[in-house]
C-alpha atoms as a PDB file:
ATOM      1  CA  MET A   1     -13.754 -43.856 173.656  1.00  0.00           C
ATOM      2  CA  THR A   2     -15.267 -40.443 172.869  1.00  0.00           C
ATOM      3  CA  LEU A   3     -18.964 -39.794 172.280  1.00  0.00           C
ATOM      4  CA  LYS A   4     -18.156 -39.239 168.617  1.00  0.00           C
ATOM      5  CA  ASP A   5     -16.425 -42.640 168.421  1.00  0.00           C
ATOM      6  CA  SER A   6     -19.383 -44.315 170.109  1.00  0.00           C
ATOM      7  CA  ALA A   7     -21.859 -42.830 167.677  1.00  0.00           C
ATOM      8  CA  ARG A   8     -19.685 -43.657 164.691  1.00  0.00           C
ATOM      9  CA  LEU A   9     -19.224 -47.272 165.671  1.00  0.00           C
ATOM     10  CA  GLY A  10     -22.806 -47.652 166.820  1.00  0.00           C
ATOM     11  CA  ASP A  11     -24.101 -47.096 163.294  1.00  0.00           C
ATOM     12  CA  VAL A  12     -21.620 -49.241 161.438  1.00  0.00           C
ATOM     13  CA  ALA A  13     -21.343 -52.092 163.925  1.00  0.00           C
ATOM     14  CA  ALA A  14     -25.054 -52.909 163.692  1.00  0.00           C
ATOM     15  CA  PRO A  15     -24.323 -56.458 162.512  1.00  0.00           C
ATOM     16  CA  ARG A  16     -22.399 -57.039 165.732  1.00  0.00           C
ATOM     17  CA  LYS A  17     -25.376 -56.040 167.896  1.00  0.00           C
ATOM     18  CA  ARG A  18     -27.832 -57.918 165.740  1.00  0.00           C
ATOM     19  CA  PHE A  19     -25.946 -61.154 166.185  1.00  0.00           C
ATOM     20  CA  ALA A  20     -24.738 -60.589 169.748  1.00  0.00           C
ATOM     21  CA  VAL A  21     -27.237 -63.236 170.878  1.00  0.00           C
ATOM     22  CA  ASP A  22     -27.444 -65.924 168.227  1.00  0.00           C
ATOM     23  CA  PHE A  23     -29.083 -69.296 168.455  1.00  0.00           C
ATOM     24  CA  SER A  24     -26.071 -70.888 166.721  1.00  0.00           C
ATOM     25  CA  ASP A  25     -24.062 -70.910 169.966  1.00  0.00           C
ATOM     26  CA  LEU A  26     -26.903 -72.731 171.705  1.00  0.00           C
ATOM     27  CA  THR A  27     -27.234 -75.165 168.804  1.00  0.00           C
ATOM     28  CA  VAL A  28     -23.533 -76.049 168.909  1.00  0.00           C
ATOM     29  CA  LEU A  29     -23.708 -76.449 172.684  1.00  0.00           C
ATOM     30  CA  ILE A  30     -26.662 -78.844 172.412  1.00  0.00           C
ATOM     31  CA  VAL A  31     -24.890 -80.921 169.736  1.00  0.00           C
ATOM     32  CA  PHE A  32     -21.703 -80.934 171.816  1.00  0.00           C
ATOM     33  CA  LEU A  33     -23.530 -82.128 174.945  1.00  0.00           C
ATOM     34  CA  ALA A  34     -25.393 -84.784 172.963  1.00  0.00           C
ATOM     35  CA  ILE A  35     -22.114 -86.188 171.594  1.00  0.00           C
ATOM     36  CA  VAL A  36     -20.561 -86.120 175.082  1.00  0.00           C
ATOM     37  CA  VAL A  37     -23.507 -88.066 176.491  1.00  0.00           C
ATOM     38  CA  TYR A  38     -23.334 -90.607 173.665  1.00  0.00           C
ATOM     39  CA  LEU A  39     -19.587 -91.136 174.043  1.00  0.00           C
ATOM     40  CA  THR A  40     -19.915 -91.413 177.804  1.00  0.00           C
ATOM     41  CA  LEU A  41     -22.498 -94.180 177.413  1.00  0.00           C
ATOM     42  CA  SER A  42     -20.815 -95.950 174.507  1.00  0.00           C
ATOM     43  CA  THR A  43     -17.205 -95.987 175.707  1.00  0.00           C
ATOM     44  CA  ALA A  44     -15.650 -96.787 179.063  1.00  0.00           C
ATOM     45  CA  SER A  45     -12.701 -94.403 178.773  1.00  0.00           C
ATOM     46  CA  PHE A  46     -14.193 -91.193 177.379  1.00  0.00           C
ATOM     47  CA  MET A  47     -14.746 -89.511 180.750  1.00  0.00           C
ATOM     48  CA  SER A  48     -11.474 -90.678 182.219  1.00  0.00           C
ATOM     49  CA  THR A  49      -9.092 -87.963 183.395  1.00  0.00           C
ATOM     50  CA  ALA A  50      -6.383 -89.141 181.012  1.00  0.00           C
ATOM     51  CA  ASN A  51      -8.712 -88.952 178.009  1.00  0.00           C
ATOM     52  CA  LEU A  52     -10.118 -85.543 178.918  1.00  0.00           C
ATOM     53  CA  LEU A  53      -6.597 -84.180 179.307  1.00  0.00           C
ATOM     54  CA  ALA A  54      -5.702 -85.735 175.950  1.00  0.00           C
ATOM     55  CA  ILE A  55      -8.620 -83.875 174.342  1.00  0.00           C
ATOM     56  CA  LEU A  56      -7.478 -80.618 175.949  1.00  0.00           C
ATOM     57  CA  VAL A  57      -3.921 -81.071 174.680  1.00  0.00           C
ATOM     58  CA  ALA A  58      -5.080 -82.128 171.205  1.00  0.00           C
ATOM     59  CA  THR A  59      -7.380 -79.112 170.839  1.00  0.00           C
ATOM     60  CA  SER A  60      -4.967 -76.546 172.289  1.00  0.00           C
ATOM     61  CA  LEU A  61      -3.192 -75.999 168.963  1.00  0.00           C
ATOM     62  CA  ILE A  62      -6.459 -75.758 167.012  1.00  0.00           C
ATOM     63  CA  ALA A  63      -7.773 -73.309 169.632  1.00  0.00           C
ATOM     64  CA  VAL A  64      -4.797 -70.949 169.361  1.00  0.00           C
ATOM     65  CA  VAL A  65      -4.960 -70.879 165.548  1.00  0.00           C
ATOM     66  CA  ALA A  66      -8.781 -70.640 165.530  1.00  0.00           C
ATOM     67  CA  CYS A  67      -8.587 -67.616 167.814  1.00  0.00           C
ATOM     68  CA  GLY A  68      -6.661 -65.737 165.126  1.00  0.00           C
ATOM     69  CA  GLN A  69      -8.925 -67.080 162.378  1.00  0.00           C
ATOM     70  CA  THR A  70     -11.940 -65.664 164.231  1.00  0.00           C
ATOM     71  CA  PHE A  71     -10.671 -62.100 163.815  1.00  0.00           C
ATOM     72  CA  VAL A  72      -9.953 -62.646 160.109  1.00  0.00           C
ATOM     73  CA  ILE A  73     -13.248 -64.366 159.301  1.00  0.00           C
ATOM     74  CA  ILE A  74     -15.351 -61.731 161.073  1.00  0.00           C
ATOM     75  CA  THR A  75     -13.874 -59.150 158.673  1.00  0.00           C
ATOM     76  CA  GLY A  76     -14.961 -61.331 155.745  1.00  0.00           C
ATOM     77  CA  GLY A  77     -11.474 -62.661 155.031  1.00  0.00           C
ATOM     78  CA  ILE A  78      -9.792 -66.039 155.423  1.00  0.00           C
ATOM     79  CA  ASP A  79      -6.290 -67.250 156.285  1.00  0.00           C
ATOM     80  CA  LEU A  80      -5.286 -70.473 154.567  1.00  0.00           C
ATOM     81  CA  SER A  81      -1.616 -70.053 155.486  1.00  0.00           C
ATOM     82  CA  SER A  82      -1.862 -70.705 159.232  1.00  0.00           C
ATOM     83  CA  GLY A  83      -0.963 -74.418 159.155  1.00  0.00           C
ATOM     84  CA  SER A  84       2.157 -73.775 157.086  1.00  0.00           C
ATOM     85  CA  VAL A  85       3.083 -70.799 159.265  1.00  0.00           C
ATOM     86  CA  VAL A  86       2.845 -73.094 162.312  1.00  0.00           C
ATOM     87  CA  ALA A  87       5.354 -75.445 160.652  1.00  0.00           C
ATOM     88  CA  LEU A  88       7.686 -72.622 159.584  1.00  0.00           C
ATOM     89  CA  ALA A  89       7.613 -70.971 163.004  1.00  0.00           C
ATOM     90  CA  GLY A  90       8.358 -74.326 164.626  1.00  0.00           C
ATOM     91  CA  VAL A  91      11.310 -74.956 162.321  1.00  0.00           C
ATOM     92  CA  VAL A  92      12.779 -71.483 162.882  1.00  0.00           C
ATOM     93  CA  THR A  93      12.298 -71.837 166.638  1.00  0.00           C
ATOM     94  CA  GLY A  94      14.021 -75.228 166.543  1.00  0.00           C
ATOM     95  CA  MET A  95      16.948 -73.854 164.548  1.00  0.00           C
ATOM     96  CA  ALA A  96      17.312 -70.945 166.967  1.00  0.00           C
ATOM     97  CA  LEU A  97      17.345 -73.250 169.966  1.00  0.00           C
ATOM     98  CA  GLN A  98      19.886 -75.526 168.296  1.00  0.00           C
ATOM     99  CA  ALA A  99      22.073 -72.444 167.835  1.00  0.00           C
ATOM    100  CA  HIS A 100      21.913 -72.040 171.645  1.00  0.00           C
ATOM    101  CA  VAL A 101      19.700 -68.956 171.561  1.00  0.00           C
ATOM    102  CA  PRO A 102      18.134 -68.403 175.026  1.00  0.00           C
ATOM    103  CA  MET A 103      14.756 -70.100 175.251  1.00  0.00           C
ATOM    104  CA  PRO A 104      12.655 -66.902 175.703  1.00  0.00           C
ATOM    105  CA  LEU A 105      14.341 -65.334 172.677  1.00  0.00           C
ATOM    106  CA  GLY A 106      13.776 -68.530 170.661  1.00  0.00           C
ATOM    107  CA  VAL A 107      10.075 -68.403 171.491  1.00  0.00           C
ATOM    108  CA  ALA A 108       9.952 -64.718 170.535  1.00  0.00           C
ATOM    109  CA  ILE A 109      11.640 -65.507 167.206  1.00  0.00           C
ATOM    110  CA  GLY A 110       9.042 -68.191 166.458  1.00  0.00           C
ATOM    111  CA  VAL A 111       6.169 -65.833 167.203  1.00  0.00           C
ATOM    112  CA  GLY A 112       7.956 -63.138 165.185  1.00  0.00           C
ATOM    113  CA  VAL A 113       7.968 -65.432 162.138  1.00  0.00           C
ATOM    114  CA  GLY A 114       4.192 -65.648 162.442  1.00  0.00           C
ATOM    115  CA  VAL A 115       3.918 -61.881 162.809  1.00  0.00           C
ATOM    116  CA  ALA A 116       5.964 -61.388 159.636  1.00  0.00           C
ATOM    117  CA  CYS A 117       3.775 -63.799 157.661  1.00  0.00           C
ATOM    118  CA  GLY A 118       0.605 -62.181 158.968  1.00  0.00           C
ATOM    119  CA  LEU A 119       1.905 -58.712 158.138  1.00  0.00           C
ATOM    120  CA  PHE A 120       2.711 -59.876 154.608  1.00  0.00           C
ATOM    121  CA  ASN A 121      -0.842 -61.221 154.223  1.00  0.00           C
ATOM    122  CA  GLY A 122      -2.387 -58.034 155.581  1.00  0.00           C
ATOM    123  CA  LEU A 123      -0.334 -55.699 153.392  1.00  0.00           C
ATOM    124  CA  ALA A 124      -1.056 -57.754 150.271  1.00  0.00           C
ATOM    125  CA  VAL A 125      -4.803 -57.743 150.982  1.00  0.00           C
ATOM    126  CA  THR A 126      -5.022 -54.030 151.808  1.00  0.00           C
ATOM    127  CA  PHE A 127      -2.420 -52.146 149.751  1.00  0.00           C
ATOM    128  CA  LEU A 128      -2.230 -54.511 146.766  1.00  0.00           C
ATOM    129  CA  GLY A 129      -5.966 -55.204 146.777  1.00  0.00           C
ATOM    130  CA  MET A 130      -5.455 -58.955 146.416  1.00  0.00           C
ATOM    131  CA  ASN A 131      -8.078 -61.551 147.290  1.00  0.00           C
ATOM    132  CA  PRO A 132      -7.435 -63.003 150.789  1.00  0.00           C
ATOM    133  CA  PHE A 133      -8.016 -66.541 149.514  1.00  0.00           C
ATOM    134  CA  ILE A 134      -5.339 -66.202 146.821  1.00  0.00           C
ATOM    135  CA  VAL A 135      -2.866 -64.334 149.025  1.00  0.00           C
ATOM    136  CA  THR A 136      -3.006 -66.767 151.928  1.00  0.00           C
ATOM    137  CA  LEU A 137      -3.002 -69.746 149.568  1.00  0.00           C
ATOM    138  CA  ALA A 138       0.248 -68.439 148.078  1.00  0.00           C
ATOM    139  CA  VAL A 139       1.740 -67.810 151.532  1.00  0.00           C
ATOM    140  CA  MET A 140       0.662 -71.307 152.560  1.00  0.00           C
ATOM    141  CA  ALA A 141       2.829 -72.731 149.767  1.00  0.00           C
ATOM    142  CA  MET A 142       5.731 -70.358 150.373  1.00  0.00           C
ATOM    143  CA  ALA A 143       5.821 -70.910 154.135  1.00  0.00           C
ATOM    144  CA  ARG A 144       5.648 -74.690 153.721  1.00  0.00           C
ATOM    145  CA  GLY A 145       8.458 -74.534 151.172  1.00  0.00           C
ATOM    146  CA  LEU A 146      10.638 -72.500 153.535  1.00  0.00           C
ATOM    147  CA  ALA A 147       9.879 -74.940 156.340  1.00  0.00           C
ATOM    148  CA  PHE A 148      11.570 -77.619 154.215  1.00  0.00           C
ATOM    149  CA  ILE A 149      14.298 -75.422 152.703  1.00  0.00           C
ATOM    150  CA  LEU A 150      15.721 -73.922 155.908  1.00  0.00           C
ATOM    151  CA  PRO A 151      16.589 -77.229 157.655  1.00  0.00           C
ATOM    152  CA  GLY A 152      17.248 -79.053 154.372  1.00  0.00           C
ATOM    153  CA  GLY A 153      14.129 -81.151 154.848  1.00  0.00           C
ATOM    154  CA  ALA A 154      15.413 -82.588 158.126  1.00  0.00           C
ATOM    155  CA  THR A 155      13.584 -82.819 161.437  1.00  0.00           C
ATOM    156  CA  ILE A 156      15.151 -80.764 164.220  1.00  0.00           C
ATOM    157  CA  PHE A 157      15.091 -82.295 167.689  1.00  0.00           C
ATOM    158  CA  GLY A 158      16.875 -82.465 171.032  1.00  0.00           C
ATOM    159  CA  PHE A 159      15.620 -79.419 172.948  1.00  0.00           C
ATOM    160  CA  ASP A 160      15.922 -78.639 176.648  1.00  0.00           C
ATOM    161  CA  ASP A 161      13.213 -79.882 178.986  1.00  0.00           C
ATOM    162  CA  SER A 162      12.376 -76.267 179.900  1.00  0.00           C
ATOM    163  CA  PHE A 163      11.275 -75.620 176.314  1.00  0.00           C
ATOM    164  CA  ASP A 164       9.405 -78.907 175.983  1.00  0.00           C
ATOM    165  CA  GLN A 165       7.281 -77.882 178.986  1.00  0.00           C
ATOM    166  CA  ILE A 166       5.543 -75.285 176.793  1.00  0.00           C
ATOM    167  CA  GLY A 167       3.886 -77.971 174.714  1.00  0.00           C
ATOM    168  CA  GLY A 168       3.869 -80.959 177.036  1.00  0.00           C
ATOM    169  CA  GLY A 169       4.232 -79.728 180.610  1.00  0.00           C
ATOM    170  CA  LEU A 170       1.657 -79.450 183.375  1.00  0.00           C
ATOM    171  CA  ILE A 171       0.706 -76.854 185.947  1.00  0.00           C
ATOM    172  CA  GLY A 172      -1.006 -78.930 188.568  1.00  0.00           C
ATOM    173  CA  PRO A 173      -3.337 -81.242 186.654  1.00  0.00           C
ATOM    174  CA  LEU A 174      -3.674 -78.913 183.653  1.00  0.00           C
ATOM    175  CA  PRO A 175      -1.498 -78.961 180.526  1.00  0.00           C
ATOM    176  CA  ILE A 176       0.412 -75.744 179.913  1.00  0.00           C
ATOM    177  CA  ALA A 177      -0.590 -75.788 176.227  1.00  0.00           C
ATOM    178  CA  GLY A 178      -4.249 -75.848 177.255  1.00  0.00           C
ATOM    179  CA  ILE A 179      -3.742 -72.920 179.629  1.00  0.00           C
ATOM    180  CA  ILE A 180      -2.025 -70.915 176.892  1.00  0.00           C
ATOM    181  CA  SER A 181      -4.835 -71.611 174.415  1.00  0.00           C
ATOM    182  CA  LEU A 182      -7.521 -70.701 176.958  1.00  0.00           C
ATOM    183  CA  ALA A 183      -5.690 -67.462 177.768  1.00  0.00           C
ATOM    184  CA  ALA A 184      -5.514 -66.593 174.063  1.00  0.00           C
ATOM    185  CA  LEU A 185      -9.244 -67.211 173.636  1.00  0.00           C
ATOM    186  CA  LEU A 186     -10.149 -65.150 176.719  1.00  0.00           C
ATOM    187  CA  VAL A 187      -7.984 -62.236 175.586  1.00  0.00           C
ATOM    188  CA  GLY A 188      -9.514 -62.525 172.114  1.00  0.00           C
ATOM    189  CA  ALA A 189     -13.010 -62.482 173.595  1.00  0.00           C
ATOM    190  CA  PHE A 190     -12.184 -59.342 175.568  1.00  0.00           C
ATOM    191  CA  VAL A 191     -10.715 -57.574 172.530  1.00  0.00           C
ATOM    192  CA  LEU A 192     -13.707 -58.422 170.328  1.00  0.00           C
ATOM    193  CA  GLY A 193     -16.331 -57.631 172.937  1.00  0.00           C
ATOM    194  CA  LYS A 194     -14.939 -54.743 174.954  1.00  0.00           C
ATOM    195  CA  THR A 195     -12.599 -52.642 172.816  1.00  0.00           C
ATOM    196  CA  VAL A 196     -12.932 -50.082 170.049  1.00  0.00           C
ATOM    197  CA  PHE A 197     -10.770 -52.289 167.841  1.00  0.00           C
ATOM    198  CA  GLY A 198     -13.228 -55.169 168.343  1.00  0.00           C
ATOM    199  CA  ALA A 199     -16.105 -52.952 167.243  1.00  0.00           C
ATOM    200  CA  GLU A 200     -14.096 -51.910 164.199  1.00  0.00           C
ATOM    201  CA  VAL A 201     -13.499 -55.559 163.275  1.00  0.00           C
ATOM    202  CA  TYR A 202     -17.261 -56.226 163.267  1.00  0.00           C
ATOM    203  CA  ALA A 203     -17.948 -52.973 161.400  1.00  0.00           C
ATOM    204  CA  VAL A 204     -15.452 -53.784 158.635  1.00  0.00           C
ATOM    205  CA  GLY A 205     -16.926 -57.254 158.235  1.00  0.00           C
ATOM    206  CA  GLY A 206     -20.518 -56.027 158.344  1.00  0.00           C
ATOM    207  CA  ASN A 207     -20.225 -53.254 155.754  1.00  0.00           C
ATOM    208  CA  ARG A 208     -16.744 -52.280 154.593  1.00  0.00           C
ATOM    209  CA  GLU A 209     -17.876 -49.340 152.472  1.00  0.00           C
ATOM    210  CA  ALA A 210     -19.941 -47.850 155.284  1.00  0.00           C
ATOM    211  CA  ALA A 211     -17.077 -48.371 157.716  1.00  0.00           C
ATOM    212  CA  ASN A 212     -14.707 -46.544 155.373  1.00  0.00           C
ATOM    213  CA  MET A 213     -17.149 -43.689 154.854  1.00  0.00           C
ATOM    214  CA  THR A 214     -17.550 -43.140 158.597  1.00  0.00           C
ATOM    215  CA  GLY A 215     -13.831 -42.851 159.146  1.00  0.00           C
ATOM    216  CA  ILE A 216     -13.032 -46.288 160.515  1.00  0.00           C
ATOM    217  CA  PRO A 217      -9.411 -47.203 159.582  1.00  0.00           C
ATOM    218  CA  VAL A 218     -10.324 -50.173 157.389  1.00  0.00           C
ATOM    219  CA  ARG A 219      -6.811 -50.850 156.128  1.00  0.00           C
ATOM    220  CA  ARG A 220      -5.303 -50.718 159.592  1.00  0.00           C
ATOM    221  CA  THR A 221      -7.999 -53.026 160.939  1.00  0.00           C
ATOM    222  CA  LEU A 222      -7.457 -55.583 158.177  1.00  0.00           C
ATOM    223  CA  ILE A 223      -3.672 -55.515 158.590  1.00  0.00           C
ATOM    224  CA  LEU A 224      -4.028 -56.045 162.338  1.00  0.00           C
ATOM    225  CA  VAL A 225      -6.398 -59.016 162.065  1.00  0.00           C
ATOM    226  CA  TYR A 226      -4.010 -60.827 159.707  1.00  0.00           C
ATOM    227  CA  LEU A 227      -1.101 -59.879 161.953  1.00  0.00           C
ATOM    228  CA  ILE A 228      -2.976 -61.351 164.960  1.00  0.00           C
ATOM    229  CA  SER A 229      -3.706 -64.528 163.011  1.00  0.00           C
ATOM    230  CA  GLY A 230      -0.046 -64.846 162.021  1.00  0.00           C
ATOM    231  CA  ALA A 231       1.226 -64.181 165.545  1.00  0.00           C
ATOM    232  CA  LEU A 232      -1.047 -66.856 167.003  1.00  0.00           C
ATOM    233  CA  ALA A 233       0.022 -69.305 164.296  1.00  0.00           C
ATOM    234  CA  GLY A 234       3.620 -68.554 165.294  1.00  0.00           C
ATOM    235  CA  LEU A 235       2.723 -69.246 168.921  1.00  0.00           C
ATOM    236  CA  GLY A 236       1.082 -72.468 167.754  1.00  0.00           C
ATOM    237  CA  GLY A 237       4.346 -73.461 166.094  1.00  0.00           C
ATOM    238  CA  VAL A 238       6.178 -72.986 169.383  1.00  0.00           C
ATOM    239  CA  ILE A 239       3.578 -75.065 171.255  1.00  0.00           C
ATOM    240  CA  LEU A 240       3.639 -77.884 168.706  1.00  0.00           C
ATOM    241  CA  THR A 241       7.445 -77.997 168.635  1.00  0.00           C
ATOM    242  CA  GLY A 242       7.541 -78.240 172.418  1.00  0.00           C
ATOM    243  CA  ARG A 243       4.894 -80.949 172.458  1.00  0.00           C
ATOM    244  CA  LEU A 244       6.665 -83.091 169.864  1.00  0.00           C
ATOM    245  CA  ASP A 245      10.181 -82.253 171.155  1.00  0.00           C
ATOM    246  CA  SER A 246      10.982 -81.761 167.499  1.00  0.00           C
ATOM    247  CA  ALA A 247      10.452 -79.290 164.672  1.00  0.00           C
ATOM    248  CA  GLN A 248       9.042 -81.047 161.625  1.00  0.00           C
ATOM    249  CA  PRO A 249       8.654 -79.322 158.223  1.00  0.00           C
ATOM    250  CA  ILE A 250       5.661 -81.565 157.505  1.00  0.00           C
ATOM    251  CA  ALA A 251       3.875 -80.636 160.738  1.00  0.00           C
ATOM    252  CA  ALA A 252       0.385 -79.093 160.991  1.00  0.00           C
ATOM    253  CA  GLN A 253      -0.809 -80.081 157.531  1.00  0.00           C
ATOM    254  CA  GLY A 254      -4.540 -79.373 157.289  1.00  0.00           C
ATOM    255  CA  LEU A 255      -4.567 -77.524 160.609  1.00  0.00           C
ATOM    256  CA  GLU A 256      -5.964 -74.396 158.957  1.00  0.00           C
ATOM    257  CA  LEU A 257      -9.047 -76.352 157.818  1.00  0.00           C
ATOM    258  CA  ASN A 258      -9.783 -77.553 161.341  1.00  0.00           C
ATOM    259  CA  ALA A 259      -9.339 -74.026 162.681  1.00  0.00           C
ATOM    260  CA  ILE A 260     -11.610 -72.494 160.030  1.00  0.00           C
ATOM    261  CA  ALA A 261     -14.165 -75.251 160.629  1.00  0.00           C
ATOM    262  CA  ALA A 262     -14.158 -74.529 164.363  1.00  0.00           C
ATOM    263  CA  VAL A 263     -14.828 -70.838 163.748  1.00  0.00           C
ATOM    264  CA  VAL A 264     -17.623 -71.473 161.228  1.00  0.00           C
ATOM    265  CA  ILE A 265     -19.199 -74.245 163.309  1.00  0.00           C
ATOM    266  CA  GLY A 266     -19.155 -71.772 166.192  1.00  0.00           C
ATOM    267  CA  GLY A 267     -21.452 -69.422 164.286  1.00  0.00           C
ATOM    268  CA  ALA A 268     -19.093 -67.095 162.425  1.00  0.00           C
ATOM    269  CA  SER A 269     -20.092 -66.155 158.900  1.00  0.00           C
ATOM    270  CA  LEU A 270     -17.681 -66.523 155.998  1.00  0.00           C
ATOM    271  CA  PHE A 271     -19.425 -63.460 154.564  1.00  0.00           C
ATOM    272  CA  GLY A 272     -18.196 -61.404 157.526  1.00  0.00           C
ATOM    273  CA  GLY A 273     -19.798 -59.354 160.274  1.00  0.00           C
ATOM    274  CA  ARG A 274     -20.764 -62.210 162.562  1.00  0.00           C
ATOM    275  CA  GLY A 275     -18.898 -64.439 164.997  1.00  0.00           C
ATOM    276  CA  SER A 276     -17.767 -64.686 168.599  1.00  0.00           C
ATOM    277  CA  MET A 277     -14.939 -66.185 170.598  1.00  0.00           C
ATOM    278  CA  LEU A 278     -17.460 -68.158 172.657  1.00  0.00           C
ATOM    279  CA  GLY A 279     -18.694 -69.763 169.448  1.00  0.00           C
ATOM    280  CA  THR A 280     -15.105 -70.539 168.448  1.00  0.00           C
ATOM    281  CA  ILE A 281     -14.491 -72.221 171.820  1.00  0.00           C
ATOM    282  CA  LEU A 282     -17.582 -74.375 171.327  1.00  0.00           C
ATOM    283  CA  GLY A 283     -16.520 -75.175 167.763  1.00  0.00           C
ATOM    284  CA  VAL A 284     -13.038 -76.232 168.908  1.00  0.00           C
ATOM    285  CA  LEU A 285     -14.478 -78.440 171.651  1.00  0.00           C
ATOM    286  CA  LEU A 286     -16.954 -80.012 169.239  1.00  0.00           C
ATOM    287  CA  ILE A 287     -14.212 -80.882 166.733  1.00  0.00           C
ATOM    288  CA  GLY A 288     -12.000 -82.207 169.524  1.00  0.00           C
ATOM    289  CA  VAL A 289     -14.731 -84.428 170.938  1.00  0.00           C
ATOM    290  CA  ILE A 290     -15.711 -85.723 167.489  1.00  0.00           C
ATOM    291  CA  ASN A 291     -12.095 -86.590 166.641  1.00  0.00           C
ATOM    292  CA  ASN A 292     -11.594 -88.243 170.025  1.00  0.00           C
ATOM    293  CA  GLY A 293     -14.838 -90.188 169.737  1.00  0.00           C
ATOM    294  CA  LEU A 294     -13.928 -91.486 166.293  1.00  0.00           C
ATOM    295  CA  THR A 295     -10.580 -92.631 167.655  1.00  0.00           C
ATOM    296  CA  LEU A 296     -12.161 -94.371 170.638  1.00  0.00           C
ATOM    297  CA  HIS A 297     -14.515 -96.204 168.274  1.00  0.00           C
ATOM    298  CA  ASN A 298     -11.548 -97.275 166.113  1.00  0.00           C
ATOM    299  CA  VAL A 299     -12.817 -95.501 163.018  1.00  0.00           C
ATOM    300  CA  GLU A 300     -10.307 -95.694 160.163  1.00  0.00           C
ATOM    301  CA  PRO A 301      -8.336 -92.468 159.536  1.00  0.00           C
ATOM    302  CA  PHE A 302      -9.753 -92.129 156.021  1.00  0.00           C
ATOM    303  CA  TRP A 303     -13.277 -91.999 157.428  1.00  0.00           C
ATOM    304  CA  VAL A 304     -12.140 -89.456 160.009  1.00  0.00           C
ATOM    305  CA  GLN A 305     -11.026 -87.164 157.183  1.00  0.00           C
ATOM    306  CA  PHE A 306     -14.297 -87.724 155.341  1.00  0.00           C
ATOM    307  CA  ILE A 307     -16.362 -86.915 158.431  1.00  0.00           C
ATOM    308  CA  GLN A 308     -14.315 -83.799 159.155  1.00  0.00           C
ATOM    309  CA  GLY A 309     -14.907 -82.618 155.600  1.00  0.00           C
ATOM    310  CA  ALA A 310     -18.626 -83.355 155.886  1.00  0.00           C
ATOM    311  CA  VAL A 311     -18.840 -81.322 159.102  1.00  0.00           C
ATOM    312  CA  ILE A 312     -17.129 -78.374 157.395  1.00  0.00           C
ATOM    313  CA  PHE A 313     -19.482 -78.659 154.396  1.00  0.00           C
ATOM    314  CA  LEU A 314     -22.576 -78.686 156.602  1.00  0.00           C
ATOM    315  CA  ALA A 315     -21.348 -75.734 158.638  1.00  0.00           C
ATOM    316  CA  VAL A 316     -20.697 -73.638 155.522  1.00  0.00           C
ATOM    317  CA  LEU A 317     -24.014 -74.724 153.985  1.00  0.00           C
ATOM    318  CA  PHE A 318     -25.890 -73.705 157.136  1.00  0.00           C
ATOM    319  CA  ASP A 319     -24.064 -70.361 157.172  1.00  0.00           C
ATOM    320  CA  SER A 320     -24.944 -69.718 153.516  1.00  0.00           C
ATOM    321  CA  LEU A 321     -28.625 -70.603 153.978  1.00  0.00           C
ATOM    322  CA  ASN A 322     -28.826 -68.565 157.174  1.00  0.00           C
ATOM    323  CA  THR A 323     -27.290 -65.526 155.458  1.00  0.00           C
ATOM    324  CA  LYS A 324     -29.700 -65.779 152.512  1.00  0.00           C
ATOM    325  CA  ARG A 325     -32.664 -66.138 154.888  1.00  0.00           C
ATOM    326  CA  LYS A 326     -31.671 -63.019 156.831  1.00  0.00           C
ATOM    327  CA  ALA A 327     -31.088 -61.058 153.599  1.00  0.00           C
ATOM    328  CA  ALA A 328     -34.519 -62.078 152.292  1.00  0.00           C
ATOM    329  CA  GLY A 329     -36.185 -61.212 155.605  1.00  0.00           C
END
């Protein structure tokens, strides 16, 4: 990075520095630890190795998708299409494998489907000037429709064990899906915290007009964050298909809401300019532990949905009040 680049980004990325240390991460951590302590005392199986691994596997898909959502939300956008893109990528991967495409190429095709969807979102938002909510809502419907159309509504199954290892295999005691999700989050944290592109993401979310005036490539940045979100949703489709040993058009419904909730619970602002991958990790873990705890306490699925919705509402409400308080101060 040149001295000119440093000065340019230093002015526009002020929101990033201002929120580099935010009490929200600590708040989420305290809530997370409190729930862990409660579940440890109230259930006999919560701290068992099998249950902890189950939480890691269950949250791996949310983590991968939430990683991409973090980039989008920091810029002030949103991606409602990620759950449907997961399903579409899984279906296309399954069809490729059934056609005896080599496994690495099949995985690449699945991720490529996500890249294509993300690129479509990014181009529509930047060059057509469309609202991200409307664009990704439309792509959510289109991708889900294609996920049913391509296989004729049928579930695709019967893959090689080598592919199934991606979603359900182990390396030592750790699930491969969990390792992949952790790697994605760590790479995302590095990109956001240590690269020029990361600074540009915060700058665009903090003040888009100022970023544009100082020469930051706003359009390129926005296209890339949606492309990243799509690529990670495509990877999520590969992981889910391997875990289930089947590609289901109906898969991953509502996944985008859990991913967005994890990012917002982790301290990111839906107004843009604030967020971190550490916060997203904490948000994913909190959602995973809550879901697991409700299951261990035999809470009915309808109440689980209600509680998940309430958590999202409270997170967004807190973000809105916090943003208004900072603006007033």
